[in-house]
């Protein structure tokens, strides 16, 4: 997890390997429209100790499930503007199929198990959690 903009270069250097025939990169960005409304920004919050643990768990899962060289997963927190990078997953593998499948699996698992919550801010001045943090779920 990081509050700073995600730098792709160091992550690419980390996953690079002489054994890799493929490096797949997934970059999630803040999109301009959601739910038919114009988005001005997103705010990501996380329960950091558990989120870091779960991101590591996902990296371990993909390393065990596919024949990979290395995996890097970074998710940003804080307020992000349209176009900014929110999540990056890099997977290197001897063969491209494993790299693609592992990257896809990783982003889906992040959405399922990592305690990171997203609040969308709209141009009309409204905002809403698309996934609610625990404090917002209690009535």
C-alpha atoms as a PDB file:
ATOM      1  CA  UNK A   1       0.000   0.000   0.000  1.00  0.00           C
ATOM      2  CA  UNK A   2       1.146   3.510  -0.694  1.00  0.00           C
ATOM      3  CA  UNK A   3      -0.197   7.028  -0.403  1.00  0.00           C
ATOM      4  CA  UNK A   4       2.243   8.173  -3.109  1.00  0.00           C
ATOM      5  CA  UNK A   5       1.820   7.864  -6.888  1.00  0.00           C
ATOM      6  CA  UNK A   6       2.781   4.373  -8.040  1.00  0.00           C
ATOM      7  CA  UNK A   7       6.016   4.215 -10.034  1.00  0.00           C
ATOM      8  CA  UNK A   8       5.896   1.445 -12.652  1.00  0.00           C
ATOM      9  CA  UNK A   9       9.639   1.405 -13.451  1.00  0.00           C
ATOM     10  CA  UNK A  10      10.888  -0.020 -10.134  1.00  0.00           C
ATOM     11  CA  UNK A  11       8.125  -2.638 -10.151  1.00  0.00           C
ATOM     12  CA  UNK A  12       9.038  -3.698 -13.670  1.00  0.00           C
ATOM     13  CA  UNK A  13      12.679  -3.983 -12.624  1.00  0.00           C
ATOM     14  CA  UNK A  14      11.625  -6.101  -9.626  1.00  0.00           C
ATOM     15  CA  UNK A  15       9.640  -8.655 -11.662  1.00  0.00           C
ATOM     16  CA  UNK A  16      12.115  -8.847 -14.535  1.00  0.00           C
ATOM     17  CA  UNK A  17      13.869 -12.189 -14.763  1.00  0.00           C
ATOM     18  CA  UNK A  18      16.056 -13.981 -17.299  1.00  0.00           C
ATOM     19  CA  UNK A  19      13.600 -16.901 -17.009  1.00  0.00           C
ATOM     20  CA  UNK A  20      10.615 -14.729 -17.966  1.00  0.00           C
ATOM     21  CA  UNK A  21       9.225 -14.987 -21.457  1.00  0.00           C
ATOM     22  CA  UNK A  22       6.372 -12.655 -20.527  1.00  0.00           C
ATOM     23  CA  UNK A  23       5.631  -9.824 -18.153  1.00  0.00           C
ATOM     24  CA  UNK A  24       1.983  -8.860 -17.832  1.00  0.00           C
ATOM     25  CA  UNK A  25       1.078  -5.519 -16.309  1.00  0.00           C
ATOM     26  CA  UNK A  26      -2.381  -4.577 -15.077  1.00  0.00           C
ATOM     27  CA  UNK A  27      -2.832  -0.886 -14.286  1.00  0.00           C
ATOM     28  CA  UNK A  28      -6.099   0.242 -12.718  1.00  0.00           C
ATOM     29  CA  UNK A  29      -6.905   3.937 -13.128  1.00  0.00           C
ATOM     30  CA  UNK A  30      -9.587   6.353 -11.962  1.00  0.00           C
ATOM     31  CA  UNK A  31     -12.175   6.542 -14.731  1.00  0.00           C
ATOM     32  CA  UNK A  32     -14.171   9.642 -15.697  1.00  0.00           C
ATOM     33  CA  UNK A  33     -17.673   8.144 -15.535  1.00  0.00           C
ATOM     34  CA  UNK A  34     -19.301   5.672 -13.150  1.00  0.00           C
ATOM     35  CA  UNK A  35     -22.947   4.790 -12.682  1.00  0.00           C
ATOM     36  CA  UNK A  36     -23.807   7.267 -15.438  1.00  0.00           C
ATOM     37  CA  UNK A  37     -22.287  10.174 -13.518  1.00  0.00           C
ATOM     38  CA  UNK A  38     -19.123  12.211 -14.051  1.00  0.00           C
ATOM     39  CA  UNK A  39     -16.427  11.310 -11.536  1.00  0.00           C
ATOM     40  CA  UNK A  40     -14.047  13.982 -10.238  1.00  0.00           C
ATOM     41  CA  UNK A  41     -12.024  11.804  -7.849  1.00  0.00           C
ATOM     42  CA  UNK A  42     -11.930   8.602  -5.814  1.00  0.00           C
ATOM     43  CA  UNK A  43     -10.903   8.182  -2.211  1.00  0.00           C
ATOM     44  CA  UNK A  44      -9.445   4.829  -1.176  1.00  0.00           C
ATOM     45  CA  UNK A  45      -9.273   3.830   2.466  1.00  0.00           C
ATOM     46  CA  UNK A  46      -7.787   0.621   3.833  1.00  0.00           C
ATOM     47  CA  UNK A  47      -7.360  -1.282   7.021  1.00  0.00           C
ATOM     48  CA  UNK A  48      -3.638  -1.251   6.377  1.00  0.00           C
ATOM     49  CA  UNK A  49      -2.284  -4.132   8.506  1.00  0.00           C
ATOM     50  CA  UNK A  50      -4.826  -6.566   7.114  1.00  0.00           C
ATOM     51  CA  UNK A  51      -4.706  -5.147   3.568  1.00  0.00           C
ATOM     52  CA  UNK A  52      -0.942  -5.649   3.377  1.00  0.00           C
ATOM     53  CA  UNK A  53      -1.340  -9.191   4.706  1.00  0.00           C
ATOM     54  CA  UNK A  54      -4.054 -10.001   2.155  1.00  0.00           C
ATOM     55  CA  UNK A  55      -2.079  -8.514  -0.755  1.00  0.00           C
ATOM     56  CA  UNK A  56       0.831 -10.754   0.248  1.00  0.00           C
ATOM     57  CA  UNK A  57      -1.564 -13.686   0.484  1.00  0.00           C
ATOM     58  CA  UNK A  58      -2.719 -13.041  -3.089  1.00  0.00           C
ATOM     59  CA  UNK A  59       0.882 -12.842  -4.324  1.00  0.00           C
ATOM     60  CA  UNK A  60       1.590 -16.168  -2.613  1.00  0.00           C
ATOM     61  CA  UNK A  61      -1.549 -17.732  -4.106  1.00  0.00           C
ATOM     62  CA  UNK A  62      -0.595 -16.833  -7.668  1.00  0.00           C
ATOM     63  CA  UNK A  63       2.990 -17.984  -7.150  1.00  0.00           C
ATOM     64  CA  UNK A  64       1.711 -21.372  -5.963  1.00  0.00           C
ATOM     65  CA  UNK A  65      -1.019 -21.758  -8.586  1.00  0.00           C
ATOM     66  CA  UNK A  66       0.910 -20.795 -11.758  1.00  0.00           C
ATOM     67  CA  UNK A  67       4.498 -21.223 -12.955  1.00  0.00           C
ATOM     68  CA  UNK A  68       5.698 -17.669 -12.362  1.00  0.00           C
ATOM     69  CA  UNK A  69       8.980 -15.893 -11.853  1.00  0.00           C
ATOM     70  CA  UNK A  70       7.883 -12.919  -9.720  1.00  0.00           C
ATOM     71  CA  UNK A  71       4.811 -10.917  -8.723  1.00  0.00           C
ATOM     72  CA  UNK A  72       4.400  -7.298  -7.616  1.00  0.00           C
ATOM     73  CA  UNK A  73       1.124  -5.815  -6.330  1.00  0.00           C
ATOM     74  CA  UNK A  74       0.730  -2.205  -5.185  1.00  0.00           C
ATOM     75  CA  UNK A  75      -2.509  -0.396  -4.285  1.00  0.00           C
ATOM     76  CA  UNK A  76      -2.757   3.306  -3.594  1.00  0.00           C
ATOM     77  CA  UNK A  77      -4.799   4.924  -0.823  1.00  0.00           C
ATOM     78  CA  UNK A  78      -5.983   8.493  -0.369  1.00  0.00           C
ATOM     79  CA  UNK A  79      -7.700  10.831  -2.823  1.00  0.00           C
ATOM     80  CA  UNK A  80      -6.949  10.213  -6.508  1.00  0.00           C
ATOM     81  CA  UNK A  81      -7.952  12.341  -9.473  1.00  0.00           C
ATOM     82  CA  UNK A  82      -9.345  11.052 -12.786  1.00  0.00           C
ATOM     83  CA  UNK A  83      -6.593   9.308 -14.747  1.00  0.00           C
ATOM     84  CA  UNK A  84      -4.390   8.546 -11.746  1.00  0.00           C
ATOM     85  CA  UNK A  85      -3.188   5.006 -11.131  1.00  0.00           C
ATOM     86  CA  UNK A  86      -4.917   3.233  -8.237  1.00  0.00           C
ATOM     87  CA  UNK A  87      -3.550  -0.320  -8.490  1.00  0.00           C
ATOM     88  CA  UNK A  88      -0.710  -2.049 -10.322  1.00  0.00           C
ATOM     89  CA  UNK A  89      -0.103  -5.768 -10.716  1.00  0.00           C
ATOM     90  CA  UNK A  90       2.956  -7.095 -12.535  1.00  0.00           C
ATOM     91  CA  UNK A  91       3.498 -10.789 -13.154  1.00  0.00           C
ATOM     92  CA  UNK A  92       6.483 -12.372 -14.873  1.00  0.00           C
ATOM     93  CA  UNK A  93       6.417 -15.952 -16.106  1.00  0.00           C
ATOM     94  CA  UNK A  94       8.187 -18.229 -18.541  1.00  0.00           C
ATOM     95  CA  UNK A  95       4.951 -18.340 -20.606  1.00  0.00           C
ATOM     96  CA  UNK A  96       2.395 -15.617 -21.317  1.00  0.00           C
ATOM     97  CA  UNK A  97      -0.721 -17.670 -20.517  1.00  0.00           C
ATOM     98  CA  UNK A  98       0.363 -18.119 -16.894  1.00  0.00           C
ATOM     99  CA  UNK A  99       1.222 -14.421 -16.581  1.00  0.00           C
ATOM    100  CA  UNK A 100      -2.144 -13.283 -17.971  1.00  0.00           C
ATOM    101  CA  UNK A 101      -4.159 -15.726 -15.856  1.00  0.00           C
ATOM    102  CA  UNK A 102      -2.277 -14.850 -12.663  1.00  0.00           C
ATOM    103  CA  UNK A 103      -2.712 -11.089 -13.182  1.00  0.00           C
ATOM    104  CA  UNK A 104      -6.438 -11.484 -13.822  1.00  0.00           C
ATOM    105  CA  UNK A 105      -6.830 -13.707 -10.775  1.00  0.00           C
ATOM    106  CA  UNK A 106      -4.918 -11.210  -8.606  1.00  0.00           C
ATOM    107  CA  UNK A 107      -7.151  -8.220  -9.416  1.00  0.00           C
ATOM    108  CA  UNK A 108     -10.304 -10.277  -8.875  1.00  0.00           C
ATOM    109  CA  UNK A 109      -8.998 -11.519  -5.494  1.00  0.00           C
ATOM    110  CA  UNK A 110      -8.122  -7.957  -4.462  1.00  0.00           C
ATOM    111  CA  UNK A 111     -11.754  -6.979  -5.004  1.00  0.00           C
ATOM    112  CA  UNK A 112     -12.932 -10.031  -3.037  1.00  0.00           C
ATOM    113  CA  UNK A 113     -10.750 -10.132   0.077  1.00  0.00           C
ATOM    114  CA  UNK A 114      -8.600  -7.037   0.585  1.00  0.00           C
ATOM    115  CA  UNK A 115     -10.045  -4.462   3.023  1.00  0.00           C
ATOM    116  CA  UNK A 116      -9.732  -1.463   0.712  1.00  0.00           C
ATOM    117  CA  UNK A 117     -12.790   0.746   0.257  1.00  0.00           C
ATOM    118  CA  UNK A 118     -13.568   3.214  -2.519  1.00  0.00           C
ATOM    119  CA  UNK A 119     -15.603   6.418  -2.300  1.00  0.00           C
ATOM    120  CA  UNK A 120     -16.596   7.997  -5.608  1.00  0.00           C
ATOM    121  CA  UNK A 121     -16.817  11.808  -5.806  1.00  0.00           C
ATOM    122  CA  UNK A 122     -19.089  13.147  -8.549  1.00  0.00           C
ATOM    123  CA  UNK A 123     -19.163  16.436 -10.491  1.00  0.00           C
ATOM    124  CA  UNK A 124     -22.621  17.214  -9.078  1.00  0.00           C
ATOM    125  CA  UNK A 125     -21.073  17.480  -5.599  1.00  0.00           C
ATOM    126  CA  UNK A 126     -22.343  14.136  -4.323  1.00  0.00           C
ATOM    127  CA  UNK A 127     -20.248  11.184  -3.287  1.00  0.00           C
ATOM    128  CA  UNK A 128     -20.889   7.608  -2.293  1.00  0.00           C
ATOM    129  CA  UNK A 129     -19.023   4.546  -1.153  1.00  0.00           C
ATOM    130  CA  UNK A 130     -19.031   1.877  -3.834  1.00  0.00           C
ATOM    131  CA  UNK A 131     -17.749  -0.433  -1.114  1.00  0.00           C
ATOM    132  CA  UNK A 132     -18.289   0.699   2.434  1.00  0.00           C
ATOM    133  CA  UNK A 133     -15.684   0.768   5.183  1.00  0.00           C
ATOM    134  CA  UNK A 134     -16.762  -0.875   8.445  1.00  0.00           C
ATOM    135  CA  UNK A 135     -17.546   2.459  10.134  1.00  0.00           C
ATOM    136  CA  UNK A 136     -20.015   3.309   7.331  1.00  0.00           C
ATOM    137  CA  UNK A 137     -21.752  -0.068   7.429  1.00  0.00           C
ATOM    138  CA  UNK A 138     -23.023   0.276  10.993  1.00  0.00           C
ATOM    139  CA  UNK A 139     -26.355   2.069  11.314  1.00  0.00           C
END
